[in-house]
């Protein structure tokens, strides 16, 4: 299982990310892509990186470019359909944040 402290940290990141905090969005992307002792989910990672990049997080944009370039988000690990779903969810979330401001 996932360490309780990791789960708690992710819970806090998610709360902030869902409220539009781009650093938390970026951090969730890192967790889902790279965290040890946590299930990898490339679609979730892509969604959070994409959303953070849309929000203006430079590191998230760079991370997306790097991961697409080095194959982490390759077809074998993240299908074009999964990328499309992740982008659609991120765009929807981004529009919701803009409406709430």
Protein backbone atom coordinates (compact mmCIF):
# COMPACT_ATOMS: atom_id res chain seq x y z
CA UNK A 1 0.00 0.00 0.00
CA UNK A 2 0.82 3.66 -0.16
CA UNK A 3 2.50 5.20 2.88
CA UNK A 4 0.00 7.23 4.91
CA UNK A 5 2.15 10.37 4.85
CA UNK A 6 2.39 10.16 1.05
CA UNK A 7 -1.37 9.72 0.78
CA UNK A 8 -1.96 12.68 3.05
CA UNK A 9 0.44 14.90 1.09
CA UNK A 10 -1.23 13.92 -2.18
CA UNK A 11 -4.62 14.70 -0.67
CA UNK A 12 -3.46 18.23 0.19
CA UNK A 13 -1.86 18.70 -3.24
CA UNK A 14 -5.12 17.58 -4.88
CA UNK A 15 -7.22 20.00 -2.81
CA UNK A 16 -5.02 22.91 -3.80
CA UNK A 17 -4.72 21.75 -7.42
CA UNK A 18 -8.47 21.46 -7.77
CA UNK A 19 -8.75 25.06 -6.55
CA UNK A 20 -6.44 26.22 -9.35
CA UNK A 21 -3.03 26.38 -7.66
CA UNK A 22 -0.64 25.65 -10.50
CA UNK A 23 2.29 24.60 -8.29
CA UNK A 24 0.09 21.91 -6.75
CA UNK A 25 -1.08 20.86 -10.21
CA UNK A 26 2.55 20.51 -11.25
CA UNK A 27 3.41 18.58 -8.09
CA UNK A 28 0.54 16.14 -8.70
CA UNK A 29 1.90 15.56 -12.19
CA UNK A 30 5.27 14.71 -10.66
CA UNK A 31 3.66 12.35 -8.15
CA UNK A 32 1.68 10.44 -10.77
CA UNK A 33 4.66 10.22 -13.14
CA UNK A 34 7.58 9.58 -10.82
CA UNK A 35 6.74 8.99 -7.15
CA UNK A 36 8.11 5.84 -5.62
CA UNK A 37 5.69 3.81 -3.52
CA UNK A 38 2.75 5.34 -5.41
CA UNK A 39 0.92 3.84 -8.39
CA UNK A 40 2.08 5.40 -11.67
CA UNK A 41 -0.74 6.86 -13.74
CA UNK A 42 0.53 8.55 -16.88
CA UNK A 43 -2.90 9.85 -17.89
CA UNK A 44 -3.30 11.60 -14.53
CA UNK A 45 0.27 12.90 -14.73
CA UNK A 46 -0.35 14.26 -18.22
CA UNK A 47 -3.62 15.91 -17.12
CA UNK A 48 -2.01 17.72 -14.19
CA UNK A 49 1.08 18.79 -16.16
CA UNK A 50 -1.15 20.01 -19.00
CA UNK A 51 -3.42 21.95 -16.63
CA UNK A 52 -0.45 23.53 -14.83
CA UNK A 53 1.06 24.49 -18.19
CA UNK A 54 -2.24 26.07 -19.25
CA UNK A 55 -2.22 27.99 -15.98
CA UNK A 56 1.21 29.40 -16.85
CA UNK A 57 3.57 27.09 -14.96
CA UNK A 58 6.82 27.15 -16.96
CA UNK A 59 8.18 23.99 -15.32
CA UNK A 60 5.04 22.06 -16.30
CA UNK A 61 5.42 23.08 -19.94
CA UNK A 62 9.08 22.07 -19.88
CA UNK A 63 8.18 18.77 -18.17
CA UNK A 64 5.57 17.98 -20.84
CA UNK A 65 8.07 18.73 -23.61
CA UNK A 66 10.75 16.60 -21.93
CA UNK A 67 8.43 13.67 -21.23
CA UNK A 68 7.02 13.68 -24.74
CA UNK A 69 10.55 13.92 -26.14
CA UNK A 70 12.05 11.11 -24.08
CA UNK A 71 9.15 8.72 -24.58
CA UNK A 72 7.56 8.65 -21.12
CA UNK A 73 4.32 9.74 -22.77
CA UNK A 74 4.89 7.44 -25.73
CA UNK A 75 2.06 5.49 -27.38
CA UNK A 76 2.97 2.38 -25.37
CA UNK A 77 2.53 4.17 -22.06
CA UNK A 78 -0.09 6.79 -22.94
CA UNK A 79 -2.25 6.33 -26.00
CA UNK A 80 -3.32 9.30 -28.13
CA UNK A 81 -6.86 8.70 -26.85
CA UNK A 82 -5.67 8.93 -23.23
CA UNK A 83 -3.76 12.13 -24.02
CA UNK A 84 -6.87 13.54 -25.65
CA UNK A 85 -9.01 12.65 -22.60
CA UNK A 86 -6.47 14.19 -20.25
CA UNK A 87 -6.32 17.40 -22.31
CA UNK A 88 -10.13 17.62 -22.44
CA UNK A 89 -10.44 17.23 -18.66
CA UNK A 90 -7.66 19.78 -18.09
CA UNK A 91 -9.29 22.30 -20.44
CA UNK A 92 -12.63 21.83 -18.70
CA UNK A 93 -11.04 22.34 -15.28
CA UNK A 94 -9.18 25.42 -16.55
CA UNK A 95 -12.41 26.96 -17.87
CA UNK A 96 -14.08 26.28 -14.53
CA UNK A 97 -11.25 28.09 -12.68
CA UNK A 98 -11.58 31.09 -14.99
CA UNK A 99 -15.34 31.28 -14.36
CA UNK A 100 -14.81 31.25 -10.59
CA UNK A 101 -12.28 34.11 -10.60
